[in-house]
């Protein structure tokens, strides 16, 4: 009888350990303006091992359930590479920081931003031109790279894009 109890206790313990290993994260404030944005998220995450996800256009969220922290981090890295950004509700996971200079510049080349349609382009323009000192941008629909011009701090442009739900890389 005690062996049966011990075996049952071990089974419950290991079941709890397996359930505990699962990692959940909700990414909120992501730019998901249209079906093309949702399809881009789907194509980015659909074949990743150990990942389940659900995108919600109205809520601007992507919910990820992963087998473990490492798989969840790979999913977040893949979304960043696809140009998507948002606030994470899991402190163990992070987006890669975007390195910029603190000194003001007259031109900044950025790349890797998700920009599938006119709504994306308008949101990018709005974010970039909201930065003090920016006088213009060369962003065009469906192009993932563009220049920003004026007299501004690069970090402020990056922050404006991140706040708008776009991940971006700065060309050196």
Protein backbone atom coordinates (compact mmCIF):
# COMPACT_ATOMS: atom_id res chain seq x y z
CA UNK A 1 0.00 0.00 0.00
CA UNK A 2 2.80 2.42 0.86
CA UNK A 3 4.49 1.70 -2.50
CA UNK A 4 1.25 2.54 -4.30
CA UNK A 5 0.99 5.78 -2.32
CA UNK A 6 4.63 6.65 -3.08
CA UNK A 7 4.16 5.91 -6.78
CA UNK A 8 1.03 8.08 -6.85
CA UNK A 9 2.84 10.90 -5.06
CA UNK A 10 5.71 10.72 -7.54
CA UNK A 11 3.29 10.79 -10.48
CA UNK A 12 1.59 13.91 -9.10
CA UNK A 13 4.98 15.53 -8.42
CA UNK A 14 6.27 14.89 -11.95
CA UNK A 15 2.98 16.03 -13.51
CA UNK A 16 3.25 19.29 -11.59
CA UNK A 17 6.89 19.67 -12.64
CA UNK A 18 5.97 19.21 -16.31
CA UNK A 19 3.09 21.70 -16.02
CA UNK A 20 5.41 24.16 -14.27
CA UNK A 21 7.92 24.01 -17.12
CA UNK A 22 5.39 25.56 -19.51
CA UNK A 23 5.96 29.26 -20.17
CA UNK A 24 3.18 31.70 -21.00
CA UNK A 25 3.63 35.27 -22.19
CA UNK A 26 1.27 37.87 -23.55
CA UNK A 27 2.75 40.52 -25.81
CA UNK A 28 0.53 43.61 -25.75
CA UNK A 29 0.54 46.81 -27.77
CA UNK A 30 1.78 45.05 -30.89
CA UNK A 31 0.96 46.68 -34.22
CA UNK A 32 -1.60 44.32 -35.76
CA UNK A 33 -3.68 46.54 -38.03
CA UNK A 34 -4.85 44.03 -40.62
CA UNK A 35 -5.06 40.45 -41.76
CA UNK A 36 -1.64 40.72 -43.38
CA UNK A 37 -0.10 41.57 -40.00
CA UNK A 38 -1.80 38.52 -38.47
CA UNK A 39 -0.58 36.31 -41.32
CA UNK A 40 2.96 37.64 -40.82
CA UNK A 41 2.81 36.65 -37.13
CA UNK A 42 1.40 33.25 -38.12
CA UNK A 43 4.12 32.62 -40.69
CA UNK A 44 6.78 33.69 -38.19
CA UNK A 45 5.65 31.38 -35.39
CA UNK A 46 3.72 28.51 -37.04
CA UNK A 47 6.61 26.07 -37.53
CA UNK A 48 8.42 26.75 -34.26
CA UNK A 49 8.75 23.63 -32.14
CA UNK A 50 7.19 23.82 -28.69
CA UNK A 51 5.17 26.96 -29.43
CA UNK A 52 1.42 27.58 -29.46
CA UNK A 53 0.14 31.09 -30.06
CA UNK A 54 -2.96 33.17 -30.57
CA UNK A 55 -3.04 36.65 -32.11
CA UNK A 56 -5.86 39.09 -31.37
CA UNK A 57 -6.04 42.02 -33.78
CA UNK A 58 -8.62 43.99 -31.77
CA UNK A 59 -6.68 43.64 -28.50
CA UNK A 60 -3.29 44.08 -30.26
CA UNK A 61 -1.93 41.04 -28.43
CA UNK A 62 -0.03 37.87 -29.17
CA UNK A 63 -0.35 35.14 -26.54
CA UNK A 64 2.38 32.52 -26.56
CA UNK A 65 2.41 29.23 -24.69
CA UNK A 66 5.77 27.50 -24.94
CA UNK A 67 7.23 24.29 -23.64
CA UNK A 68 9.82 26.30 -21.67
CA UNK A 69 11.46 29.72 -21.29
CA UNK A 70 13.99 29.03 -24.06
CA UNK A 71 11.27 28.25 -26.61
CA UNK A 72 9.31 31.35 -25.59
CA UNK A 73 12.43 33.51 -25.95
CA UNK A 74 13.06 32.08 -29.44
CA UNK A 75 9.51 33.04 -30.39
CA UNK A 76 10.00 36.60 -29.12
CA UNK A 77 13.31 36.85 -30.98
CA UNK A 78 11.61 35.63 -34.17
CA UNK A 79 8.84 38.22 -33.78
CA UNK A 80 11.47 40.94 -33.32
CA UNK A 81 13.26 39.75 -36.47
CA UNK A 82 9.90 40.03 -38.27
CA UNK A 83 9.51 43.63 -37.02
CA UNK A 84 6.92 43.12 -34.24
CA UNK A 85 7.24 44.54 -30.73
CA UNK A 86 5.10 44.82 -27.62
CA UNK A 87 5.11 44.86 -23.85
CA UNK A 88 5.84 41.45 -22.29
CA UNK A 89 3.98 40.30 -19.18
CA UNK A 90 6.76 37.86 -18.24
CA UNK A 91 9.85 39.32 -16.52
CA UNK A 92 12.05 36.34 -17.51
CA UNK A 93 11.74 37.16 -21.21
CA UNK A 94 13.12 40.20 -23.04
CA UNK A 95 13.33 41.76 -26.45
CA UNK A 96 16.86 42.32 -27.70
CA UNK A 97 17.80 45.95 -26.93
CA UNK A 98 18.20 48.22 -29.95
CA UNK A 99 21.59 49.91 -29.72
CA UNK A 100 21.66 53.62 -30.61
CA UNK A 101 23.88 56.61 -30.04
CA UNK A 102 23.00 59.26 -27.47
CA UNK A 103 24.31 62.02 -29.75
CA UNK A 104 21.93 63.88 -32.04
CA UNK A 105 22.10 62.92 -35.71
CA UNK A 106 20.84 64.35 -38.97
CA UNK A 107 20.06 61.00 -40.58
CA UNK A 108 19.25 57.53 -39.29
CA UNK A 109 18.87 54.39 -41.38
CA UNK A 110 16.54 51.78 -39.91
CA UNK A 111 15.55 48.33 -41.12
CA UNK A 112 13.60 45.24 -40.19
CA UNK A 113 10.35 46.98 -39.35
CA UNK A 114 7.08 45.18 -40.16
CA UNK A 115 5.35 47.26 -42.86
CA UNK A 116 2.84 45.24 -44.86
CA UNK A 117 0.27 47.87 -45.81
CA UNK A 118 -0.71 51.53 -45.89
CA UNK A 119 -1.95 51.42 -42.31
CA UNK A 120 1.45 50.15 -41.14
CA UNK A 121 3.18 52.87 -43.17
CA UNK A 122 0.94 55.59 -41.69
CA UNK A 123 1.56 54.32 -38.15
CA UNK A 124 5.32 54.27 -38.75
CA UNK A 125 5.26 57.81 -40.17
CA UNK A 126 3.15 59.05 -37.26
CA UNK A 127 5.53 57.49 -34.71
CA UNK A 128 8.69 58.78 -36.40
CA UNK A 129 7.44 62.31 -37.06
CA UNK A 130 6.23 62.63 -33.45
CA UNK A 131 9.88 62.80 -32.37
CA UNK A 132 11.20 66.30 -31.74
CA UNK A 133 13.65 67.37 -34.45
CA UNK A 134 12.54 64.88 -37.12
CA UNK A 135 11.84 66.70 -40.37
CA UNK A 136 11.02 63.76 -42.62
CA UNK A 137 11.22 60.08 -43.44
CA UNK A 138 11.53 58.01 -46.60
CA UNK A 139 9.23 55.22 -45.37
CA UNK A 140 7.08 53.71 -48.12
CA UNK A 141 4.40 51.02 -48.03
CA UNK A 142 5.72 47.47 -47.92
CA UNK A 143 9.34 48.57 -47.45
CA UNK A 144 11.05 47.41 -44.26
CA UNK A 145 13.96 49.87 -44.42
CA UNK A 146 13.86 53.64 -44.48
CA UNK A 147 15.70 56.80 -43.47
CA UNK A 148 14.75 59.41 -40.90
CA UNK A 149 16.07 62.97 -41.32
CA UNK A 150 16.29 66.10 -39.19
CA UNK A 151 18.24 66.84 -36.02
CA UNK A 152 17.17 64.30 -33.39
CA UNK A 153 18.34 61.62 -31.00
CA UNK A 154 18.21 58.12 -32.54
CA UNK A 155 17.01 56.57 -29.29
CA UNK A 156 13.90 58.73 -29.35
CA UNK A 157 13.00 57.46 -32.84
CA UNK A 158 13.55 53.87 -31.76
CA UNK A 159 11.43 54.39 -28.63
CA UNK A 160 8.61 55.93 -30.70
CA UNK A 161 8.61 52.92 -33.04
CA UNK A 162 8.70 50.43 -30.16
CA UNK A 163 5.85 52.27 -28.44
CA UNK A 164 3.86 51.99 -31.71
CA UNK A 165 4.38 48.19 -31.72
CA UNK A 166 7.20 47.95 -34.28
CA UNK A 167 10.61 46.41 -33.64
CA UNK A 168 13.40 48.03 -35.64
CA UNK A 169 17.10 47.64 -36.22
CA UNK A 170 19.43 50.60 -36.60
CA UNK A 171 21.92 50.46 -39.44
CA UNK A 172 25.46 51.28 -38.32
